[in-house]
Amino acid sequence: MTQITLNIPDEELTFFMKLIEKFNYETVINDFAVSEEMKNLLDHRRSTSKKEDFIPWTEAKKQLVFKSKK
């Protein structure tokens, strides 16, 4: 697998995100640990959520807002 790290200027982030949305990309998170407390919280949210409030992942990705690291 090839990994690419990019430094995108803040003022170019919107343009860059629109550009990469045109490609079929997949987000991969490695070495991600979830505590037991977080698992319980997520289980609770899933059990109390309404199915009609769910949105597909493709739509959720469009709503994500990325903050730059400073």
N, C-alpha and C. Protein backbone atom coordinates (compact mmCIF):
# COMPACT_ATOMS: atom_id res chain seq x y z
N MET A 1 0.84 -1.18 0.00
CA MET A 1 0.00 0.00 0.00
C MET A 1 0.89 1.24 0.00
N THR A 2 0.46 2.25 -0.70
CA THR A 2 1.16 3.53 -0.73
C THR A 2 0.40 4.53 0.13
N GLN A 3 1.11 5.25 0.96
CA GLN A 3 0.51 6.27 1.79
C GLN A 3 1.05 7.62 1.35
N ILE A 4 0.15 8.59 1.22
CA ILE A 4 0.54 9.93 0.79
C ILE A 4 0.07 10.93 1.85
N THR A 5 0.97 11.78 2.28
CA THR A 5 0.64 12.83 3.23
C THR A 5 0.78 14.17 2.52
N LEU A 6 -0.25 14.98 2.61
CA LEU A 6 -0.25 16.28 1.94
C LEU A 6 -0.43 17.40 2.96
N ASN A 7 0.23 18.49 2.74
CA ASN A 7 0.00 19.71 3.52
C ASN A 7 -0.77 20.66 2.61
N ILE A 8 -2.02 20.90 2.96
CA ILE A 8 -2.91 21.74 2.15
C ILE A 8 -3.09 23.09 2.85
N PRO A 9 -2.79 24.19 2.18
CA PRO A 9 -3.03 25.51 2.80
C PRO A 9 -4.51 25.67 3.14
N ASP A 10 -4.80 26.31 4.24
CA ASP A 10 -6.18 26.48 4.69
C ASP A 10 -7.09 27.04 3.60
N GLU A 11 -6.58 28.03 2.88
CA GLU A 11 -7.42 28.68 1.86
C GLU A 11 -7.68 27.79 0.64
N GLU A 12 -6.96 26.67 0.53
CA GLU A 12 -7.14 25.74 -0.60
C GLU A 12 -7.87 24.47 -0.20
N LEU A 13 -8.21 24.33 1.06
CA LEU A 13 -8.81 23.09 1.55
C LEU A 13 -10.15 22.78 0.88
N THR A 14 -11.00 23.76 0.74
CA THR A 14 -12.31 23.54 0.11
C THR A 14 -12.13 23.05 -1.32
N PHE A 15 -11.26 23.70 -2.07
CA PHE A 15 -11.00 23.28 -3.45
C PHE A 15 -10.47 21.84 -3.47
N PHE A 16 -9.51 21.54 -2.59
CA PHE A 16 -8.93 20.21 -2.55
C PHE A 16 -9.97 19.15 -2.23
N MET A 17 -10.83 19.41 -1.25
CA MET A 17 -11.85 18.44 -0.87
C MET A 17 -12.82 18.20 -2.03
N LYS A 18 -13.19 19.25 -2.76
CA LYS A 18 -14.06 19.07 -3.93
C LYS A 18 -13.37 18.24 -5.00
N LEU A 19 -12.07 18.45 -5.16
CA LEU A 19 -11.31 17.70 -6.15
C LEU A 19 -11.26 16.21 -5.80
N ILE A 20 -10.93 15.87 -4.57
CA ILE A 20 -10.79 14.46 -4.24
C ILE A 20 -12.13 13.74 -4.18
N GLU A 21 -13.23 14.49 -3.98
CA GLU A 21 -14.55 13.86 -4.01
C GLU A 21 -14.85 13.27 -5.38
N LYS A 22 -14.18 13.76 -6.42
CA LYS A 22 -14.39 13.25 -7.78
C LYS A 22 -13.74 11.88 -7.98
N PHE A 23 -12.83 11.51 -7.07
CA PHE A 23 -12.15 10.23 -7.16
C PHE A 23 -12.80 9.23 -6.21
N ASN A 24 -12.65 7.97 -6.53
CA ASN A 24 -13.18 6.92 -5.67
C ASN A 24 -12.12 6.62 -4.61
N TYR A 25 -12.22 7.24 -3.46
CA TYR A 25 -11.23 7.04 -2.42
C TYR A 25 -11.85 6.36 -1.21
N GLU A 26 -11.01 5.82 -0.40
CA GLU A 26 -11.45 5.12 0.80
C GLU A 26 -10.63 5.63 1.97
N THR A 27 -11.30 5.93 3.07
CA THR A 27 -10.63 6.39 4.27
C THR A 27 -10.24 5.18 5.10
N VAL A 28 -8.99 5.14 5.52
CA VAL A 28 -8.50 4.03 6.33
C VAL A 28 -7.92 4.60 7.61
N ILE A 29 -8.36 4.07 8.72
CA ILE A 29 -7.84 4.49 10.02
C ILE A 29 -7.12 3.29 10.62
N ASN A 30 -5.84 3.45 10.87
CA ASN A 30 -5.04 2.38 11.46
C ASN A 30 -4.80 2.66 12.94
N ASP A 31 -4.61 1.59 13.69
CA ASP A 31 -4.28 1.71 15.12
C ASP A 31 -5.29 2.56 15.87
N PHE A 32 -6.55 2.29 15.65
CA PHE A 32 -7.61 3.05 16.30
C PHE A 32 -8.18 2.22 17.43
N ALA A 33 -8.08 2.72 18.64
CA ALA A 33 -8.57 1.99 19.81
C ALA A 33 -9.79 2.70 20.38
N VAL A 34 -10.76 1.91 20.80
CA VAL A 34 -11.98 2.45 21.40
C VAL A 34 -12.08 1.89 22.81
N SER A 35 -12.22 2.79 23.76
CA SER A 35 -12.31 2.36 25.16
C SER A 35 -13.67 1.69 25.40
N GLU A 36 -13.77 0.96 26.49
CA GLU A 36 -15.02 0.29 26.85
C GLU A 36 -16.13 1.32 27.06
N GLU A 37 -15.76 2.47 27.65
CA GLU A 37 -16.73 3.55 27.87
C GLU A 37 -17.28 4.07 26.53
N MET A 38 -16.39 4.24 25.54
CA MET A 38 -16.83 4.72 24.23
C MET A 38 -17.72 3.67 23.55
N LYS A 39 -17.35 2.39 23.67
CA LYS A 39 -18.17 1.32 23.09
C LYS A 39 -19.58 1.34 23.69
N ASN A 40 -19.65 1.50 25.01
CA ASN A 40 -20.96 1.53 25.67
C ASN A 40 -21.79 2.72 25.21
N LEU A 41 -21.13 3.88 25.06
CA LEU A 41 -21.83 5.07 24.59
C LEU A 41 -22.37 4.86 23.17
N LEU A 42 -21.52 4.30 22.29
CA LEU A 42 -21.95 4.04 20.91
C LEU A 42 -23.09 3.03 20.87
N ASP A 43 -23.00 1.98 21.68
CA ASP A 43 -24.08 0.99 21.74
C ASP A 43 -25.38 1.64 22.19
N HIS A 44 -25.28 2.51 23.18
CA HIS A 44 -26.48 3.22 23.67
C HIS A 44 -27.08 4.10 22.58
N ARG A 45 -26.23 4.83 21.88
CA ARG A 45 -26.72 5.70 20.80
C ARG A 45 -27.38 4.90 19.69
N ARG A 46 -26.77 3.75 19.34
CA ARG A 46 -27.37 2.90 18.30
C ARG A 46 -28.73 2.39 18.75
N SER A 47 -28.85 2.00 20.00
CA SER A 47 -30.10 1.41 20.48
C SER A 47 -31.21 2.45 20.64
N THR A 48 -30.86 3.72 20.80
CA THR A 48 -31.88 4.76 20.99
C THR A 48 -32.09 5.62 19.74
N SER A 49 -31.38 5.29 18.66
CA SER A 49 -31.52 6.07 17.42
C SER A 49 -32.70 5.57 16.60
N LYS A 50 -33.25 6.47 15.82
CA LYS A 50 -34.34 6.12 14.91
C LYS A 50 -33.75 5.81 13.53
N LYS A 51 -34.15 4.70 12.97
CA LYS A 51 -33.63 4.27 11.67
C LYS A 51 -33.86 5.36 10.60
N GLU A 52 -34.97 6.07 10.67
CA GLU A 52 -35.27 7.10 9.67
C GLU A 52 -34.35 8.31 9.76
N ASP A 53 -33.60 8.43 10.86
CA ASP A 53 -32.63 9.52 11.01
C ASP A 53 -31.26 9.16 10.43
N PHE A 54 -31.06 7.89 10.09
CA PHE A 54 -29.77 7.45 9.54
C PHE A 54 -29.59 8.01 8.13
N ILE A 55 -28.33 8.29 7.77
CA ILE A 55 -28.02 8.69 6.40
C ILE A 55 -26.90 7.80 5.87
N PRO A 56 -26.85 7.57 4.56
CA PRO A 56 -25.79 6.74 4.01
C PRO A 56 -24.41 7.37 4.22
N TRP A 57 -23.38 6.53 4.32
CA TRP A 57 -22.02 7.00 4.52
C TRP A 57 -21.60 7.98 3.43
N THR A 58 -22.03 7.75 2.19
CA THR A 58 -21.64 8.66 1.11
C THR A 58 -22.16 10.06 1.37
N GLU A 59 -23.35 10.17 1.95
CA GLU A 59 -23.91 11.48 2.29
C GLU A 59 -23.22 12.07 3.53
N ALA A 60 -22.92 11.22 4.50
CA ALA A 60 -22.28 11.69 5.73
C ALA A 60 -20.90 12.28 5.42
N LYS A 61 -20.15 11.64 4.50
CA LYS A 61 -18.82 12.14 4.14
C LYS A 61 -18.91 13.56 3.60
N LYS A 62 -19.97 13.86 2.86
CA LYS A 62 -20.13 15.21 2.29
C LYS A 62 -20.35 16.26 3.37
N GLN A 63 -20.85 15.83 4.53
CA GLN A 63 -21.16 16.77 5.60
C GLN A 63 -19.99 16.99 6.55
N LEU A 64 -18.94 16.20 6.39
CA LEU A 64 -17.78 16.34 7.28
C LEU A 64 -17.08 17.67 7.05
N VAL A 65 -16.62 18.28 8.11
CA VAL A 65 -15.87 19.52 8.05
C VAL A 65 -14.50 19.23 8.65
N PHE A 66 -13.46 19.46 7.89
CA PHE A 66 -12.10 19.19 8.35
C PHE A 66 -11.49 20.48 8.89
N LYS A 67 -10.92 20.39 10.06
CA LYS A 67 -10.26 21.53 10.66
C LYS A 67 -8.77 21.37 10.48
N SER A 68 -8.11 22.46 10.18
CA SER A 68 -6.65 22.39 9.98
C SER A 68 -5.97 22.33 11.34
N LYS A 69 -4.80 21.68 11.36
CA LYS A 69 -4.00 21.60 12.59
C LYS A 69 -3.14 22.84 12.67
N LYS A 70 -3.13 23.49 13.81
CA LYS A 70 -2.31 24.69 13.98
C LYS A 70 -1.48 24.56 15.20
